[in-house]
Amino acid sequence: MATTAGSKPSSKPLSDRELLAWRGMLRVHAAVTKALDAELEEQHEISLTSYEVLLHLDEAQDGRMRMSDLASRLLLSRSGATRLVDRLEREGLIARDSCCSDARGSFAVLTEAGAAKLKAARGTHLAGVRRLYLDLLTAAEQDALGECWEQVLPSAADGDGEECCER
């Protein structure tokens, strides 16, 4: 039984089925991300989280996203996203662009070097995702998992927040 707003959460231990589902998700996520991160570091000298930043920027309109939107997509705190963006900026993979109508707002912008790094690493990443996860599941299992993940955490709107000024 799901806990609803205002009701007291249950402290009842998880059943074997619940433990298998919960711990399985945690173990698979940890193992797959660790392996993907190691492959990207070894072959392209980029972390999985850095790759994800470049990917999100590449998919964004004009290769740019508000820092707050980027942080939420990465499931990082704003300070964590800021530290990561600082490092990627020092490496020349992204640049920052200020918001002309809001001094507090800023954008992360994909650079040519960042786009090249992403392009070089993309094949390694996709091959790893398939080998470590997708190829181990049937198409029906992939569909079922996709539906499960959508039920647990429905997709956020794809919008990248409001524009600060006309470009």
N, C-alpha and C. Protein backbone atom coordinates (compact mmCIF):
# COMPACT_ATOMS: atom_id res chain seq x y z
N MET A 1 0.84 -1.19 0.00
CA MET A 1 0.00 0.00 0.00
C MET A 1 0.88 1.24 0.00
N ALA A 2 0.64 2.12 -0.92
CA ALA A 2 1.45 3.33 -1.06
C ALA A 2 1.10 4.32 0.04
N THR A 3 2.11 5.08 0.44
CA THR A 3 1.90 6.13 1.42
C THR A 3 1.40 7.36 0.69
N THR A 4 0.36 7.97 1.20
CA THR A 4 -0.16 9.18 0.60
C THR A 4 0.20 10.36 1.47
N ALA A 5 0.09 11.54 0.89
CA ALA A 5 0.41 12.76 1.62
C ALA A 5 -0.44 12.82 2.88
N GLY A 6 0.19 13.07 4.00
CA GLY A 6 -0.53 13.20 5.26
C GLY A 6 -0.62 11.91 6.03
N SER A 7 -0.36 10.76 5.41
CA SER A 7 -0.41 9.50 6.14
C SER A 7 0.96 9.17 6.69
N LYS A 8 0.96 8.35 7.73
CA LYS A 8 2.22 7.98 8.38
C LYS A 8 2.91 6.88 7.57
N PRO A 9 4.20 7.05 7.25
CA PRO A 9 4.90 6.01 6.50
C PRO A 9 5.02 4.73 7.32
N SER A 10 5.04 3.61 6.63
CA SER A 10 5.12 2.31 7.29
C SER A 10 6.57 1.99 7.64
N SER A 11 6.78 1.50 8.86
CA SER A 11 8.12 1.05 9.25
C SER A 11 8.23 -0.46 9.17
N LYS A 12 7.21 -1.07 8.55
CA LYS A 12 7.19 -2.52 8.36
C LYS A 12 8.36 -2.92 7.45
N PRO A 13 9.09 -3.96 7.80
CA PRO A 13 10.22 -4.40 6.95
C PRO A 13 9.76 -4.72 5.54
N LEU A 14 10.66 -4.57 4.59
CA LEU A 14 10.35 -4.89 3.21
C LEU A 14 10.23 -6.41 3.04
N SER A 15 9.32 -6.81 2.19
CA SER A 15 9.16 -8.23 1.89
C SER A 15 10.33 -8.68 1.01
N ASP A 16 10.48 -9.97 0.82
CA ASP A 16 11.53 -10.50 -0.05
C ASP A 16 11.38 -9.94 -1.47
N ARG A 17 10.16 -9.87 -1.96
CA ARG A 17 9.91 -9.33 -3.29
C ARG A 17 10.31 -7.86 -3.37
N GLU A 18 9.92 -7.09 -2.35
CA GLU A 18 10.27 -5.67 -2.32
C GLU A 18 11.78 -5.47 -2.23
N LEU A 19 12.45 -6.28 -1.40
CA LEU A 19 13.90 -6.19 -1.28
C LEU A 19 14.60 -6.52 -2.60
N LEU A 20 14.12 -7.55 -3.27
CA LEU A 20 14.70 -7.93 -4.55
C LEU A 20 14.56 -6.79 -5.57
N ALA A 21 13.40 -6.18 -5.63
CA ALA A 21 13.17 -5.08 -6.57
C ALA A 21 14.03 -3.86 -6.20
N TRP A 22 14.04 -3.49 -4.93
CA TRP A 22 14.78 -2.31 -4.49
C TRP A 22 16.29 -2.50 -4.60
N ARG A 23 16.80 -3.56 -3.99
CA ARG A 23 18.24 -3.79 -4.00
C ARG A 23 18.74 -4.12 -5.41
N GLY A 24 17.92 -4.78 -6.19
CA GLY A 24 18.30 -5.08 -7.57
C GLY A 24 18.52 -3.80 -8.36
N MET A 25 17.58 -2.86 -8.25
CA MET A 25 17.71 -1.59 -8.96
C MET A 25 19.00 -0.88 -8.51
N LEU A 26 19.26 -0.85 -7.20
CA LEU A 26 20.46 -0.18 -6.70
C LEU A 26 21.74 -0.85 -7.20
N ARG A 27 21.78 -2.18 -7.15
CA ARG A 27 22.97 -2.92 -7.58
C ARG A 27 23.23 -2.73 -9.07
N VAL A 28 22.18 -2.85 -9.88
CA VAL A 28 22.34 -2.70 -11.33
C VAL A 28 22.80 -1.28 -11.66
N HIS A 29 22.17 -0.30 -11.06
CA HIS A 29 22.56 1.08 -11.34
C HIS A 29 24.03 1.31 -10.97
N ALA A 30 24.41 0.89 -9.79
CA ALA A 30 25.79 1.10 -9.34
C ALA A 30 26.79 0.38 -10.24
N ALA A 31 26.51 -0.87 -10.58
CA ALA A 31 27.45 -1.65 -11.38
C ALA A 31 27.57 -1.11 -12.81
N VAL A 32 26.45 -0.78 -13.42
CA VAL A 32 26.47 -0.30 -14.80
C VAL A 32 27.13 1.07 -14.88
N THR A 33 26.78 1.98 -13.98
CA THR A 33 27.38 3.31 -14.05
C THR A 33 28.87 3.27 -13.73
N LYS A 34 29.27 2.41 -12.81
CA LYS A 34 30.70 2.27 -12.50
C LYS A 34 31.47 1.77 -13.73
N ALA A 35 30.93 0.76 -14.42
CA ALA A 35 31.59 0.22 -15.60
C ALA A 35 31.62 1.24 -16.74
N LEU A 36 30.52 1.94 -16.97
CA LEU A 36 30.47 2.96 -18.03
C LEU A 36 31.46 4.08 -17.73
N ASP A 37 31.50 4.50 -16.47
CA ASP A 37 32.43 5.56 -16.07
C ASP A 37 33.87 5.14 -16.32
N ALA A 38 34.21 3.91 -15.94
CA ALA A 38 35.58 3.42 -16.13
C ALA A 38 35.95 3.37 -17.60
N GLU A 39 35.04 2.89 -18.46
CA GLU A 39 35.31 2.83 -19.89
C GLU A 39 35.52 4.21 -20.50
N LEU A 40 34.66 5.15 -20.12
CA LEU A 40 34.80 6.50 -20.66
C LEU A 40 36.09 7.16 -20.19
N GLU A 41 36.43 6.96 -18.92
CA GLU A 41 37.68 7.52 -18.39
C GLU A 41 38.89 6.93 -19.11
N GLU A 42 38.89 5.60 -19.27
CA GLU A 42 40.02 4.92 -19.88
C GLU A 42 40.19 5.28 -21.35
N GLN A 43 39.09 5.31 -22.09
CA GLN A 43 39.19 5.49 -23.53
C GLN A 43 39.11 6.94 -24.00
N HIS A 44 38.50 7.83 -23.16
CA HIS A 44 38.28 9.20 -23.62
C HIS A 44 38.63 10.27 -22.59
N GLU A 45 39.09 9.84 -21.43
CA GLU A 45 39.45 10.77 -20.35
C GLU A 45 38.31 11.71 -20.00
N ILE A 46 37.12 11.12 -19.85
CA ILE A 46 35.95 11.88 -19.45
C ILE A 46 35.10 11.00 -18.53
N SER A 47 34.54 11.60 -17.48
CA SER A 47 33.68 10.84 -16.57
C SER A 47 32.29 10.69 -17.17
N LEU A 48 31.54 9.73 -16.65
CA LEU A 48 30.17 9.53 -17.11
C LEU A 48 29.32 10.78 -16.84
N THR A 49 29.49 11.39 -15.70
CA THR A 49 28.71 12.60 -15.38
C THR A 49 29.06 13.74 -16.32
N SER A 50 30.34 13.89 -16.65
CA SER A 50 30.75 14.92 -17.61
C SER A 50 30.17 14.63 -18.98
N TYR A 51 30.19 13.37 -19.37
CA TYR A 51 29.59 12.96 -20.65
C TYR A 51 28.11 13.36 -20.67
N GLU A 52 27.41 13.11 -19.57
CA GLU A 52 25.99 13.45 -19.50
C GLU A 52 25.76 14.95 -19.65
N VAL A 53 26.63 15.77 -19.06
CA VAL A 53 26.52 17.22 -19.23
C VAL A 53 26.61 17.56 -20.71
N LEU A 54 27.64 17.05 -21.37
CA LEU A 54 27.83 17.34 -22.79
C LEU A 54 26.64 16.85 -23.61
N LEU A 55 26.11 15.68 -23.28
CA LEU A 55 24.96 15.13 -23.99
C LEU A 55 23.73 16.02 -23.83
N HIS A 56 23.45 16.44 -22.60
CA HIS A 56 22.29 17.32 -22.37
C HIS A 56 22.44 18.63 -23.12
N LEU A 57 23.63 19.19 -23.12
CA LEU A 57 23.85 20.45 -23.84
C LEU A 57 23.71 20.24 -25.34
N ASP A 58 24.20 19.12 -25.84
CA ASP A 58 24.10 18.81 -27.27
C ASP A 58 22.65 18.70 -27.69
N GLU A 59 21.81 18.15 -26.84
CA GLU A 59 20.39 17.96 -27.14
C GLU A 59 19.57 19.24 -26.94
N ALA A 60 20.12 20.20 -26.23
CA ALA A 60 19.39 21.44 -25.93
C ALA A 60 19.41 22.38 -27.13
N GLN A 61 18.40 23.24 -27.18
CA GLN A 61 18.33 24.24 -28.24
C GLN A 61 19.56 25.13 -28.19
N ASP A 62 20.21 25.30 -29.29
CA ASP A 62 21.42 26.12 -29.41
C ASP A 62 22.57 25.63 -28.54
N GLY A 63 22.52 24.38 -28.08
CA GLY A 63 23.61 23.82 -27.28
C GLY A 63 23.80 24.51 -25.95
N ARG A 64 22.73 25.04 -25.38
CA ARG A 64 22.82 25.79 -24.13
C ARG A 64 21.64 25.50 -23.22
N MET A 65 21.92 25.49 -21.91
CA MET A 65 20.88 25.27 -20.91
C MET A 65 21.15 26.15 -19.71
N ARG A 66 20.07 26.56 -19.07
CA ARG A 66 20.21 27.27 -17.79
C ARG A 66 20.86 26.30 -16.81
N MET A 67 21.71 26.84 -15.96
CA MET A 67 22.41 26.01 -14.97
C MET A 67 21.43 25.25 -14.09
N SER A 68 20.35 25.88 -13.68
CA SER A 68 19.38 25.22 -12.80
C SER A 68 18.72 24.04 -13.51
N ASP A 69 18.42 24.19 -14.80
CA ASP A 69 17.82 23.08 -15.56
C ASP A 69 18.83 21.95 -15.73
N LEU A 70 20.07 22.29 -15.99
CA LEU A 70 21.11 21.28 -16.14
C LEU A 70 21.29 20.50 -14.84
N ALA A 71 21.31 21.20 -13.72
CA ALA A 71 21.47 20.54 -12.42
C ALA A 71 20.33 19.57 -12.16
N SER A 72 19.11 19.95 -12.48
CA SER A 72 17.98 19.06 -12.23
C SER A 72 18.02 17.84 -13.15
N ARG A 73 18.46 18.00 -14.37
CA ARG A 73 18.57 16.86 -15.29
C ARG A 73 19.65 15.88 -14.84
N LEU A 74 20.70 16.39 -14.21
CA LEU A 74 21.80 15.54 -13.75
C LEU A 74 21.54 14.95 -12.38
N LEU A 75 20.46 15.35 -11.74
CA LEU A 75 20.15 14.93 -10.38
C LEU A 75 21.28 15.33 -9.43
N LEU A 76 21.81 16.51 -9.66
CA LEU A 76 22.85 17.07 -8.79
C LEU A 76 22.30 18.32 -8.12
N SER A 77 22.89 18.67 -6.99
CA SER A 77 22.56 19.94 -6.38
C SER A 77 23.10 21.06 -7.27
N ARG A 78 22.61 22.25 -7.07
CA ARG A 78 23.15 23.38 -7.85
C ARG A 78 24.64 23.54 -7.61
N SER A 79 25.08 23.36 -6.36
CA SER A 79 26.51 23.51 -6.08
C SER A 79 27.32 22.40 -6.74
N GLY A 80 26.78 21.18 -6.77
CA GLY A 80 27.46 20.08 -7.44
C GLY A 80 27.56 20.32 -8.93
N ALA A 81 26.47 20.81 -9.53
CA ALA A 81 26.49 21.12 -10.96
C ALA A 81 27.47 22.26 -11.24
N THR A 82 27.51 23.24 -10.35
CA THR A 82 28.43 24.37 -10.54
C THR A 82 29.88 23.90 -10.52
N ARG A 83 30.23 23.03 -9.58
CA ARG A 83 31.60 22.50 -9.53
C ARG A 83 31.95 21.72 -10.79
N LEU A 84 31.01 20.91 -11.26
CA LEU A 84 31.25 20.14 -12.47
C LEU A 84 31.39 21.06 -13.68
N VAL A 85 30.52 22.03 -13.80
CA VAL A 85 30.59 22.99 -14.91
C VAL A 85 31.90 23.78 -14.84
N ASP A 86 32.31 24.16 -13.64
CA ASP A 86 33.60 24.86 -13.49
C ASP A 86 34.74 24.03 -14.07
N ARG A 87 34.74 22.74 -13.76
CA ARG A 87 35.80 21.86 -14.25
C ARG A 87 35.73 21.72 -15.76
N LEU A 88 34.55 21.51 -16.30
CA LEU A 88 34.39 21.36 -17.74
C LEU A 88 34.73 22.66 -18.48
N GLU A 89 34.47 23.78 -17.83
CA GLU A 89 34.83 25.08 -18.42
C GLU A 89 36.36 25.23 -18.46
N ARG A 90 37.04 24.84 -17.37
CA ARG A 90 38.51 24.89 -17.36
C ARG A 90 39.10 24.00 -18.44
N GLU A 91 38.43 22.88 -18.73
CA GLU A 91 38.89 21.95 -19.77
C GLU A 91 38.51 22.41 -21.17
N GLY A 92 37.75 23.50 -21.28
CA GLY A 92 37.36 24.04 -22.58
C GLY A 92 36.22 23.30 -23.25
N LEU A 93 35.52 22.44 -22.51
CA LEU A 93 34.44 21.64 -23.11
C LEU A 93 33.10 22.37 -23.10
N ILE A 94 32.95 23.30 -22.18
CA ILE A 94 31.76 24.14 -22.15
C ILE A 94 32.19 25.56 -21.81
N ALA A 95 31.29 26.49 -22.03
CA ALA A 95 31.50 27.89 -21.66
C ALA A 95 30.27 28.34 -20.89
N ARG A 96 30.41 29.42 -20.19
CA ARG A 96 29.28 30.02 -19.49
C ARG A 96 28.86 31.26 -20.24
N ASP A 97 27.57 31.51 -20.18
CA ASP A 97 27.01 32.71 -20.79
C ASP A 97 26.06 33.30 -19.77
N SER A 98 26.21 34.57 -19.49
CA SER A 98 25.34 35.19 -18.48
C SER A 98 23.98 35.49 -19.08
N CYS A 99 23.06 35.67 -18.19
CA CYS A 99 21.69 35.98 -18.57
C CYS A 99 21.54 37.50 -18.56
N CYS A 100 21.16 38.06 -19.70
CA CYS A 100 21.12 39.51 -19.81
C CYS A 100 19.99 40.16 -19.01
N SER A 101 18.95 39.40 -18.65
CA SER A 101 17.85 40.00 -17.91
C SER A 101 17.82 39.57 -16.44
N ASP A 102 18.71 38.66 -16.04
CA ASP A 102 18.73 38.18 -14.66
C ASP A 102 20.18 37.93 -14.29
N ALA A 103 20.76 38.81 -13.50
CA ALA A 103 22.18 38.71 -13.15
C ALA A 103 22.49 37.42 -12.40
N ARG A 104 21.49 36.82 -11.76
CA ARG A 104 21.73 35.59 -11.02
C ARG A 104 21.74 34.36 -11.93
N GLY A 105 21.14 34.46 -13.10
CA GLY A 105 21.02 33.32 -14.00
C GLY A 105 22.21 33.21 -14.93
N SER A 106 22.55 31.99 -15.28
CA SER A 106 23.60 31.78 -16.27
C SER A 106 23.32 30.50 -17.04
N PHE A 107 23.95 30.41 -18.18
CA PHE A 107 23.80 29.26 -19.06
C PHE A 107 25.12 28.52 -19.16
N ALA A 108 25.02 27.21 -19.36
CA ALA A 108 26.16 26.40 -19.77
C ALA A 108 25.99 26.20 -21.26
N VAL A 109 27.10 26.38 -22.00
CA VAL A 109 27.06 26.33 -23.46
C VAL A 109 28.10 25.33 -23.94
N LEU A 110 27.71 24.44 -24.83
CA LEU A 110 28.61 23.46 -25.40
C LEU A 110 29.59 24.15 -26.35
N THR A 111 30.88 23.89 -26.20
CA THR A 111 31.89 24.44 -27.11
C THR A 111 32.16 23.44 -28.23
N GLU A 112 32.91 23.87 -29.23
CA GLU A 112 33.30 22.96 -30.31
C GLU A 112 34.13 21.81 -29.75
N ALA A 113 35.01 22.10 -28.80
CA ALA A 113 35.82 21.04 -28.18
C ALA A 113 34.93 20.06 -27.41
N GLY A 114 33.91 20.58 -26.75
CA GLY A 114 32.97 19.71 -26.03
C GLY A 114 32.18 18.83 -26.98
N ALA A 115 31.73 19.40 -28.10
CA ALA A 115 31.00 18.62 -29.10
C ALA A 115 31.89 17.53 -29.68
N ALA A 116 33.16 17.85 -29.91
CA ALA A 116 34.10 16.85 -30.44
C ALA A 116 34.35 15.74 -29.42
N LYS A 117 34.49 16.09 -28.15
CA LYS A 117 34.69 15.10 -27.09
C LYS A 117 33.47 14.19 -26.99
N LEU A 118 32.29 14.77 -27.05
CA LEU A 118 31.05 14.00 -27.00
C LEU A 118 30.97 13.04 -28.18
N LYS A 119 31.25 13.53 -29.36
CA LYS A 119 31.19 12.69 -30.56
C LYS A 119 32.16 11.52 -30.46
N ALA A 120 33.36 11.77 -29.95
CA ALA A 120 34.36 10.70 -29.81
C ALA A 120 33.93 9.66 -28.79
N ALA A 121 33.29 10.09 -27.71
CA ALA A 121 32.93 9.18 -26.61
C ALA A 121 31.58 8.49 -26.82
N ARG A 122 30.76 9.02 -27.68
CA ARG A 122 29.39 8.51 -27.84
C ARG A 122 29.35 7.02 -28.18
N GLY A 123 30.16 6.56 -29.11
CA GLY A 123 30.16 5.15 -29.49
C GLY A 123 30.52 4.24 -28.33
N THR A 124 31.52 4.63 -27.56
CA THR A 124 31.92 3.85 -26.39
C THR A 124 30.77 3.76 -25.40
N HIS A 125 30.13 4.89 -25.15
CA HIS A 125 29.03 4.93 -24.19
C HIS A 125 27.86 4.06 -24.65
N LEU A 126 27.44 4.23 -25.89
CA LEU A 126 26.29 3.47 -26.38
C LEU A 126 26.58 1.98 -26.42
N ALA A 127 27.78 1.61 -26.84
CA ALA A 127 28.15 0.19 -26.86
C ALA A 127 28.12 -0.39 -25.44
N GLY A 128 28.60 0.39 -24.48
CA GLY A 128 28.59 -0.06 -23.09
C GLY A 128 27.19 -0.21 -22.54
N VAL A 129 26.31 0.74 -22.83
CA VAL A 129 24.92 0.65 -22.37
C VAL A 129 24.26 -0.61 -22.92
N ARG A 130 24.51 -0.87 -24.19
CA ARG A 130 23.92 -2.08 -24.79
C ARG A 130 24.52 -3.35 -24.17
N ARG A 131 25.83 -3.43 -24.11
CA ARG A 131 26.51 -4.63 -23.64
C ARG A 131 26.22 -4.92 -22.16
N LEU A 132 26.21 -3.88 -21.34
CA LEU A 132 26.08 -4.05 -19.90
C LEU A 132 24.63 -4.12 -19.42
N TYR A 133 23.69 -3.70 -20.25
CA TYR A 133 22.31 -3.62 -19.78
C TYR A 133 21.30 -4.07 -20.83
N LEU A 134 21.17 -3.34 -21.91
CA LEU A 134 20.07 -3.58 -22.85
C LEU A 134 20.13 -4.95 -23.51
N ASP A 135 21.32 -5.41 -23.90
CA ASP A 135 21.43 -6.71 -24.57
C ASP A 135 21.09 -7.88 -23.65
N LEU A 136 21.04 -7.65 -22.36
CA LEU A 136 20.72 -8.70 -21.39
C LEU A 136 19.22 -8.85 -21.20
N LEU A 137 18.45 -7.99 -21.84
CA LEU A 137 16.99 -7.97 -21.69
C LEU A 137 16.32 -8.19 -23.04
N THR A 138 15.17 -8.84 -23.02
CA THR A 138 14.38 -8.96 -24.24
C THR A 138 13.71 -7.61 -24.51
N ALA A 139 13.18 -7.46 -25.73
CA ALA A 139 12.44 -6.24 -26.06
C ALA A 139 11.25 -6.05 -25.12
N ALA A 140 10.57 -7.15 -24.79
CA ALA A 140 9.42 -7.07 -23.87
C ALA A 140 9.86 -6.62 -22.48
N GLU A 141 11.01 -7.12 -22.02
CA GLU A 141 11.52 -6.70 -20.70
C GLU A 141 11.93 -5.24 -20.72
N GLN A 142 12.51 -4.78 -21.81
CA GLN A 142 12.86 -3.36 -21.93
C GLN A 142 11.60 -2.49 -21.88
N ASP A 143 10.55 -2.93 -22.61
CA ASP A 143 9.28 -2.19 -22.58
C ASP A 143 8.71 -2.14 -21.17
N ALA A 144 8.71 -3.29 -20.48
CA ALA A 144 8.16 -3.36 -19.13
C ALA A 144 8.95 -2.47 -18.18
N LEU A 145 10.28 -2.51 -18.27
CA LEU A 145 11.09 -1.65 -17.40
C LEU A 145 10.85 -0.18 -17.71
N GLY A 146 10.77 0.16 -18.97
CA GLY A 146 10.49 1.55 -19.34
C GLY A 146 9.19 2.03 -18.73
N GLU A 147 8.17 1.18 -18.77
CA GLU A 147 6.88 1.54 -18.17
C GLU A 147 7.01 1.67 -16.65
N CYS A 148 7.77 0.77 -16.04
CA CYS A 148 7.98 0.84 -14.58
C CYS A 148 8.67 2.13 -14.18
N TRP A 149 9.76 2.47 -14.88
CA TRP A 149 10.52 3.68 -14.52
C TRP A 149 9.65 4.91 -14.72
N GLU A 150 8.82 4.92 -15.76
CA GLU A 150 7.93 6.05 -16.01
C GLU A 150 6.88 6.17 -14.90
N GLN A 151 6.43 5.04 -14.38
CA GLN A 151 5.44 5.05 -13.29
C GLN A 151 6.09 5.57 -12.00
N VAL A 152 7.32 5.16 -11.74
CA VAL A 152 8.01 5.57 -10.52
C VAL A 152 8.40 7.04 -10.58
N LEU A 153 8.91 7.48 -11.73
CA LEU A 153 9.36 8.87 -11.87
C LEU A 153 8.96 9.38 -13.25
N PRO A 154 7.74 9.90 -13.35
CA PRO A 154 7.28 10.39 -14.66
C PRO A 154 8.23 11.44 -15.23
N SER A 155 8.35 11.44 -16.54
CA SER A 155 9.26 12.37 -17.22
C SER A 155 8.89 13.80 -16.89
N ALA A 156 9.93 14.57 -16.65
CA ALA A 156 9.72 16.00 -16.44
C ALA A 156 9.50 16.64 -17.80
N ALA A 157 8.93 17.81 -17.80
CA ALA A 157 8.75 18.53 -19.05
C ALA A 157 10.09 18.70 -19.73
N ASP A 158 10.09 18.64 -21.04
CA ASP A 158 11.34 18.74 -21.78
C ASP A 158 11.81 20.18 -21.96
N GLY A 159 11.02 21.13 -21.53
CA GLY A 159 11.43 22.53 -21.67
C GLY A 159 12.65 22.83 -20.85
N ASP A 160 13.43 23.77 -21.31
CA ASP A 160 14.68 24.14 -20.64
C ASP A 160 14.54 25.44 -19.87
N GLY A 161 13.36 25.71 -19.37
CA GLY A 161 13.18 26.93 -18.60
C GLY A 161 12.96 28.12 -19.52
N GLU A 162 12.81 29.26 -18.91
CA GLU A 162 12.54 30.46 -19.69
C GLU A 162 13.84 31.03 -20.21
N GLU A 163 13.74 31.62 -21.38
CA GLU A 163 14.89 32.31 -21.95
C GLU A 163 15.09 33.61 -21.19
N CYS A 164 16.32 34.03 -21.07
CA CYS A 164 16.61 35.29 -20.39
C CYS A 164 16.48 36.46 -21.34
N CYS A 165 16.92 36.29 -22.55
CA CYS A 165 16.87 37.39 -23.49
C CYS A 165 16.90 36.83 -24.90
N GLU A 166 16.55 37.63 -25.84
CA GLU A 166 16.56 37.21 -27.24
C GLU A 166 18.00 37.09 -27.72
N ARG A 167 18.25 36.13 -28.54
CA ARG A 167 19.59 35.92 -29.12
C ARG A 167 19.51 36.14 -30.60
